[in-house]
Amino acid sequence: MTLQTLLSLLGIYLFIAIGFIAKWSFKEKIDDRTITLLSVYFLQIFLTFWGLLKRPIEPQLLFAPSLYLAITLISLLLMIPLSRLLFSDTKERSIATIAALIGNTGNLGIPLGIALFGEESVPYLTLINLVNVFVVYTIGVFYYSRGEFSIRQSLLNIIKLPVLWAAMVAIVLNLVGYVPSIAVDKTLMMGAYASMTMQLVLFGIYLYGIKLTEINLRLTVWVSATKFILIPLIALVVLRMVEMNPMVKGILFLELIVPLAVANVNLASLYNCSPRSVTVQVFVTSVLFLGIALVLPMLLRIL
């Protein structure tokens, strides 16, 4: 199980390394802004449809993703006043508020969940990732926009993104029983994997531009502590208060502590909210998670 976990992580980091090497080799010939726009406005639509049409959304499976959303919102309510106290810069405050809440529940969480809990975890993993998609493209868009835009414009930015509308259409299609044909499913799958791969490559591209002297140590410590100390503690308290299958509790806990998603970098780049600083946060939490992953089975047994 540990080997499967390690292989899942290494496969993801391979594409990050490709992005880093590509930027190092070709420098300004690679335009990260263009890749961001292509990923957010086009390819992620395929990822959304593919993920949401893979299997029917069953009512009895909704408790786990609802609890995931509840823990995320509780954490957000704590982040808002704390980030205001600790950070005066608007962009830093936005990153401090939202970054740790947007975890890599898709590219990393799903394969890692399957490795740890088996294929019976897939319905829960898929629905939790769906909730995370809505968090990313509503709360995430709002706070990353707030680094440079007004409240009104930040709300409009949410509406402008096609991914949110694609998710709503996909949910409706799922609920009415639509099942994609083999040809349609293959097309969606191609776009979905292209989207996931491009996000990882983009992360590697941004990593190349990071200079150690530019790292905001206070922000990095705050985001990492929030991700791996504060949110897990909140999760432990909430999960101990509810009656639930131990496997489902483990899945929920895992999805709440996965490192920051590359979607953070996409949104920070899209709305000019210090994308390189956000890249640092994603990188640091990804490295720290390598150590945590080795003791994950032991951590999950205490739930």
Protein backbone atom coordinates (compact mmCIF):
# COMPACT_ATOMS: atom_id res chain seq x y z
CA MET A 1 0.00 0.00 0.00
CA THR A 2 2.90 2.31 0.79
CA LEU A 3 4.45 1.47 -2.60
CA GLN A 4 1.17 2.30 -4.39
CA THR A 5 1.00 5.60 -2.52
CA LEU A 6 4.57 6.45 -3.49
CA LEU A 7 4.01 5.53 -7.15
CA SER A 8 0.86 7.69 -7.28
CA LEU A 9 2.85 10.65 -5.99
CA LEU A 10 5.86 10.09 -8.26
CA GLY A 11 3.65 9.84 -11.36
CA ILE A 12 2.21 13.26 -10.58
CA TYR A 13 5.57 14.87 -9.81
CA LEU A 14 6.95 13.57 -13.14
CA PHE A 15 4.74 15.98 -15.09
CA ILE A 16 5.66 18.83 -12.75
CA ALA A 17 9.31 18.12 -13.54
CA ILE A 18 8.52 18.20 -17.27
CA GLY A 19 7.05 21.71 -16.92
CA PHE A 20 10.11 22.87 -14.97
CA ILE A 21 12.56 21.43 -17.52
CA ALA A 22 10.58 22.85 -20.44
CA LYS A 23 10.66 26.38 -18.99
CA TRP A 24 14.34 26.02 -18.12
CA SER A 25 15.09 24.91 -21.69
CA PHE A 26 12.97 27.39 -23.67
CA LYS A 27 12.59 30.35 -21.27
CA GLU A 28 10.32 33.06 -22.70
CA LYS A 29 9.26 30.93 -25.67
CA ILE A 30 6.82 29.26 -23.25
CA ASP A 31 3.97 31.61 -22.33
CA ASP A 32 2.47 30.52 -18.99
CA ARG A 33 -0.46 32.95 -19.34
CA THR A 34 -1.59 31.30 -22.57
CA ILE A 35 -1.41 27.85 -20.99
CA THR A 36 -3.47 29.08 -18.02
CA LEU A 37 -6.23 30.49 -20.25
CA LEU A 38 -6.31 27.33 -22.38
CA SER A 39 -6.58 25.14 -19.28
CA VAL A 40 -9.15 27.18 -17.31
CA TYR A 41 -11.46 28.23 -20.15
CA PHE A 42 -11.37 25.12 -22.34
CA LEU A 43 -9.77 21.89 -21.13
CA GLN A 44 -11.24 21.97 -17.61
CA ILE A 45 -14.71 21.86 -19.14
CA PHE A 46 -13.86 18.37 -20.45
CA LEU A 47 -12.52 17.38 -17.02
CA THR A 48 -15.72 18.57 -15.35
CA PHE A 49 -18.06 16.69 -17.70
CA TRP A 50 -15.97 13.53 -17.62
CA GLY A 51 -15.78 13.46 -13.82
CA LEU A 52 -19.46 14.21 -13.24
CA LEU A 53 -20.80 11.76 -15.82
CA LYS A 54 -18.65 8.79 -14.77
CA ARG A 55 -21.30 7.35 -12.45
CA PRO A 56 -24.78 8.27 -11.13
CA ILE A 57 -25.01 10.66 -8.17
CA GLU A 58 -26.78 8.62 -5.48
CA PRO A 59 -28.50 10.39 -2.53
CA GLN A 60 -27.04 8.01 0.08
CA LEU A 61 -23.54 9.04 -0.94
CA LEU A 62 -24.13 12.76 -0.35
CA PHE A 63 -23.47 12.85 3.41
CA ALA A 64 -19.68 12.54 3.04
CA PRO A 65 -19.27 15.41 0.51
CA SER A 66 -21.72 17.52 2.57
CA LEU A 67 -19.52 16.99 5.63
CA TYR A 68 -16.45 17.88 3.54
CA LEU A 69 -18.13 21.16 2.58
CA ALA A 70 -19.13 21.85 6.20
CA ILE A 71 -15.55 21.37 7.46
CA THR A 72 -14.25 23.56 4.62
CA LEU A 73 -16.70 26.36 5.50
CA ILE A 74 -15.88 26.13 9.23
CA SER A 75 -12.19 26.44 8.34
CA LEU A 76 -12.94 29.41 6.06
CA LEU A 77 -14.80 31.22 8.85
CA LEU A 78 -11.69 30.86 11.01
CA MET A 79 -9.34 31.92 8.21
CA ILE A 80 -11.11 35.19 7.43
CA PRO A 81 -10.46 36.99 10.76
CA LEU A 82 -7.08 35.35 11.34
CA SER A 83 -5.71 36.33 7.92
CA ARG A 84 -6.94 39.89 8.45
CA LEU A 85 -4.98 40.07 11.69
CA LEU A 86 -1.79 38.59 10.28
CA PHE A 87 -1.55 40.07 6.77
CA SER A 88 -2.05 43.68 5.71
CA ASP A 89 -1.28 43.21 2.01
CA THR A 90 -4.51 42.44 0.11
CA LYS A 91 -3.00 39.72 -2.08
CA GLU A 92 -1.23 38.00 0.81
CA ARG A 93 -4.47 38.10 2.80
CA SER A 94 -6.37 36.47 -0.05
CA ILE A 95 -3.79 33.70 -0.35
CA ALA A 96 -3.72 33.18 3.42
CA THR A 97 -7.52 32.91 3.51
CA ILE A 98 -8.22 30.49 0.68
CA ALA A 99 -5.09 28.61 -0.48
CA ALA A 100 -5.07 25.87 2.18
CA LEU A 101 -8.76 25.13 1.58
CA ILE A 102 -8.26 24.20 -2.09
CA GLY A 103 -6.66 20.78 -1.92
CA ASN A 104 -5.62 18.43 -4.70
CA THR A 105 -8.65 16.14 -4.33
CA GLY A 106 -8.63 15.22 -8.03
CA ASN A 107 -5.19 14.61 -9.51
CA LEU A 108 -3.77 13.31 -6.22
CA GLY A 109 -6.72 12.61 -3.93
CA ILE A 110 -8.55 10.17 -6.20
CA PRO A 111 -5.59 7.87 -7.14
CA LEU A 112 -4.30 8.03 -3.57
CA GLY A 113 -7.74 7.23 -2.15
CA ILE A 114 -8.03 4.21 -4.45
CA ALA A 115 -4.56 3.05 -3.39
CA LEU A 116 -5.47 3.28 0.29
CA PHE A 117 -9.13 2.24 0.34
CA GLY A 118 -9.73 0.33 -2.90
CA GLU A 119 -12.16 0.94 -5.75
CA GLU A 120 -15.19 1.03 -3.41
CA SER A 121 -13.99 4.50 -2.39
CA VAL A 122 -14.41 5.91 -5.93
CA PRO A 123 -18.03 7.20 -5.53
CA TYR A 124 -17.07 9.10 -2.37
CA LEU A 125 -13.86 10.42 -3.87
CA THR A 126 -15.67 11.60 -7.00
CA LEU A 127 -18.38 13.48 -5.11
CA ILE A 128 -15.91 15.08 -2.68
CA ASN A 129 -13.91 16.24 -5.70
CA LEU A 130 -17.12 17.67 -7.16
CA VAL A 131 -17.68 19.72 -4.00
CA ASN A 132 -14.08 20.89 -4.21
CA VAL A 133 -14.65 22.00 -7.82
CA PHE A 134 -17.47 24.26 -6.64
CA VAL A 135 -15.31 25.59 -3.79
CA VAL A 136 -12.53 26.36 -6.29
CA TYR A 137 -14.74 28.16 -8.80
CA THR A 138 -16.86 30.10 -6.32
CA ILE A 139 -15.03 30.89 -3.05
CA GLY A 140 -11.63 30.38 -4.67
CA VAL A 141 -12.35 32.69 -7.60
CA PHE A 142 -13.80 35.30 -5.24
CA TYR A 143 -10.78 35.45 -2.91
CA TYR A 144 -8.11 35.29 -5.60
CA SER A 145 -9.98 38.05 -7.44
CA ARG A 146 -10.09 40.14 -4.25
CA GLY A 147 -6.31 40.54 -4.50
CA GLU A 148 -6.90 43.02 -7.32
CA PHE A 149 -10.65 43.42 -7.96
CA SER A 150 -13.60 44.90 -6.09
CA ILE A 151 -16.19 42.70 -4.36
CA ARG A 152 -18.65 43.27 -7.24
CA GLN A 153 -16.09 42.39 -9.91
CA SER A 154 -14.95 39.36 -7.93
CA LEU A 155 -18.51 38.06 -7.87
CA LEU A 156 -18.80 38.69 -11.60
CA ASN A 157 -15.58 36.73 -12.16
CA ILE A 158 -17.29 33.68 -10.67
CA ILE A 159 -20.15 33.93 -13.16
CA LYS A 160 -17.79 34.45 -16.11
CA LEU A 161 -15.95 31.15 -15.72
CA PRO A 162 -17.40 28.43 -18.01
CA VAL A 163 -16.32 25.60 -15.68
CA LEU A 164 -19.02 26.44 -13.13
CA TRP A 165 -21.74 26.40 -15.79
CA ALA A 166 -20.34 23.18 -17.25
CA ALA A 167 -20.55 21.56 -13.80
CA MET A 168 -24.20 22.59 -13.43
CA VAL A 169 -25.10 21.20 -16.86
CA ALA A 170 -23.21 17.96 -16.11
CA ILE A 171 -25.06 17.51 -12.80
CA VAL A 172 -28.42 17.98 -14.53
CA LEU A 173 -27.45 15.44 -17.21
CA ASN A 174 -26.36 13.01 -14.50
CA LEU A 175 -29.61 13.40 -12.56
CA VAL A 176 -31.78 12.81 -15.65
CA GLY A 177 -29.87 9.60 -16.33
CA TYR A 178 -27.75 10.59 -19.33
CA VAL A 179 -24.95 8.10 -20.02
CA PRO A 180 -22.29 9.18 -22.57
CA SER A 181 -21.68 6.86 -25.50
CA ILE A 182 -18.29 5.19 -25.76
CA ALA A 183 -17.15 7.74 -28.36
CA VAL A 184 -18.28 10.71 -26.26
CA ASP A 185 -16.74 9.26 -23.10
CA LYS A 186 -13.39 8.78 -24.86
CA THR A 187 -13.45 12.37 -26.11
CA LEU A 188 -14.23 13.68 -22.62
CA MET A 189 -11.53 11.46 -21.14
CA MET A 190 -8.92 12.77 -23.60
CA GLY A 191 -9.75 16.36 -22.66
CA ALA A 192 -9.82 15.50 -18.94
CA TYR A 193 -6.38 13.90 -18.94
CA ALA A 194 -5.03 16.75 -21.08
CA SER A 195 -6.40 19.20 -18.50
CA MET A 196 -4.85 17.36 -15.53
CA THR A 197 -1.51 17.00 -17.29
CA MET A 198 -1.45 20.64 -18.38
CA GLN A 199 -2.17 21.83 -14.83
CA LEU A 200 0.80 19.85 -13.53
CA VAL A 201 3.07 21.08 -16.33
CA LEU A 202 1.96 24.67 -15.62
CA PHE A 203 2.89 24.20 -11.97
CA GLY A 204 6.38 23.12 -13.02
CA ILE A 205 6.67 26.17 -15.29
CA TYR A 206 5.90 28.49 -12.39
CA LEU A 207 8.33 26.63 -10.14
CA TYR A 208 11.15 27.59 -12.51
CA GLY A 209 10.58 31.29 -11.88
CA ILE A 210 10.77 31.07 -8.08
CA LYS A 211 13.74 32.65 -6.34
CA LEU A 212 14.52 31.73 -2.73
CA THR A 213 14.95 35.40 -1.84
CA GLU A 214 11.37 36.10 -2.94
CA ILE A 215 9.75 33.49 -0.68
CA ASN A 216 7.43 35.00 1.91
CA LEU A 217 8.36 32.87 4.93
CA ARG A 218 5.50 34.07 7.14
CA LEU A 219 2.89 33.33 4.48
CA THR A 220 4.42 29.93 3.72
CA VAL A 221 4.47 28.90 7.39
CA TRP A 222 0.87 30.08 7.82
CA VAL A 223 -0.48 28.20 4.78
CA SER A 224 1.41 24.99 5.64
CA ALA A 225 0.34 25.11 9.30
CA THR A 226 -3.25 25.72 8.26
CA LYS A 227 -3.17 22.82 5.79
CA PHE A 228 -1.51 20.23 8.01
CA ILE A 229 -2.38 21.31 11.57
CA LEU A 230 -5.47 23.52 11.80
CA ILE A 231 -7.69 21.85 9.17
CA PRO A 232 -6.83 18.28 10.34
CA LEU A 233 -7.67 19.26 13.93
CA ILE A 234 -11.03 20.69 12.85
CA ALA A 235 -11.65 17.54 10.82
CA LEU A 236 -10.81 15.27 13.78
CA VAL A 237 -13.22 17.14 16.06
CA VAL A 238 -16.06 17.03 13.53
CA LEU A 239 -15.50 13.40 12.48
CA ARG A 240 -15.49 12.21 16.11
CA MET A 241 -18.92 13.83 16.55
CA VAL A 242 -20.61 11.88 13.74
CA GLU A 243 -21.49 8.23 13.22
CA MET A 244 -20.00 7.09 9.94
CA ASN A 245 -18.32 4.13 8.28
CA PRO A 246 -14.60 4.18 9.31
CA MET A 247 -13.56 3.91 5.64
CA VAL A 248 -15.62 6.97 4.72
CA LYS A 249 -14.13 8.88 7.66
CA GLY A 250 -10.68 7.97 6.39
CA ILE A 251 -11.54 9.15 2.88
CA LEU A 252 -12.82 12.48 4.22
CA PHE A 253 -9.73 13.01 6.36
CA LEU A 254 -7.44 12.15 3.45
CA GLU A 255 -9.15 14.57 1.06
CA LEU A 256 -8.89 17.38 3.63
CA ILE A 257 -5.13 16.98 4.12
CA VAL A 258 -3.95 16.47 0.52
CA PRO A 259 -1.54 19.25 -0.53
CA LEU A 260 -2.68 22.41 -2.30
CA ALA A 261 -4.16 21.95 -5.77
CA VAL A 262 -2.50 23.38 -8.87
CA ALA A 263 -5.86 25.14 -9.40
CA ASN A 264 -4.57 27.67 -6.87
CA VAL A 265 -1.83 28.61 -9.33
CA ASN A 266 -4.31 28.78 -12.22
CA LEU A 267 -6.59 31.22 -10.38
CA ALA A 268 -3.74 33.27 -8.96
CA SER A 269 -2.32 33.62 -12.47
CA LEU A 270 -5.71 34.38 -14.02
CA TYR A 271 -6.42 37.20 -11.54
CA ASN A 272 -2.84 38.39 -11.03
CA CYS A 273 -2.76 37.44 -7.34
CA SER A 274 0.96 36.74 -6.85
CA PRO A 275 1.02 33.43 -8.78
CA ARG A 276 4.66 32.74 -7.98
CA SER A 277 3.98 33.13 -4.28
CA VAL A 278 1.05 30.72 -4.61
CA THR A 279 3.32 28.30 -6.51
CA VAL A 280 5.64 28.29 -3.49
CA GLN A 281 2.73 27.30 -1.24
CA VAL A 282 1.71 24.46 -3.56
CA PHE A 283 5.31 23.23 -3.81
CA VAL A 284 6.02 23.35 -0.07
CA THR A 285 2.81 21.54 0.88
CA SER A 286 3.49 18.93 -1.84
CA VAL A 287 6.97 18.26 -0.42
CA LEU A 288 5.69 18.12 3.17
CA PHE A 289 2.95 15.72 2.11
CA LEU A 290 5.55 13.23 0.87
CA GLY A 291 6.55 12.72 4.50
CA ILE A 292 2.96 12.65 5.73
CA ALA A 293 1.99 10.08 3.07
CA LEU A 294 4.40 7.55 4.55
CA VAL A 295 2.51 7.56 7.87
CA LEU A 296 -0.99 8.04 6.39
CA PRO A 297 -2.20 4.48 7.14
CA MET A 298 -1.28 4.99 10.81
CA LEU A 299 -2.97 8.43 10.93
CA LEU A 300 -6.18 7.07 9.44
CA ARG A 301 -6.42 4.38 12.14
CA ILE A 302 -6.90 7.00 14.88
CA LEU A 303 -10.19 8.31 13.43
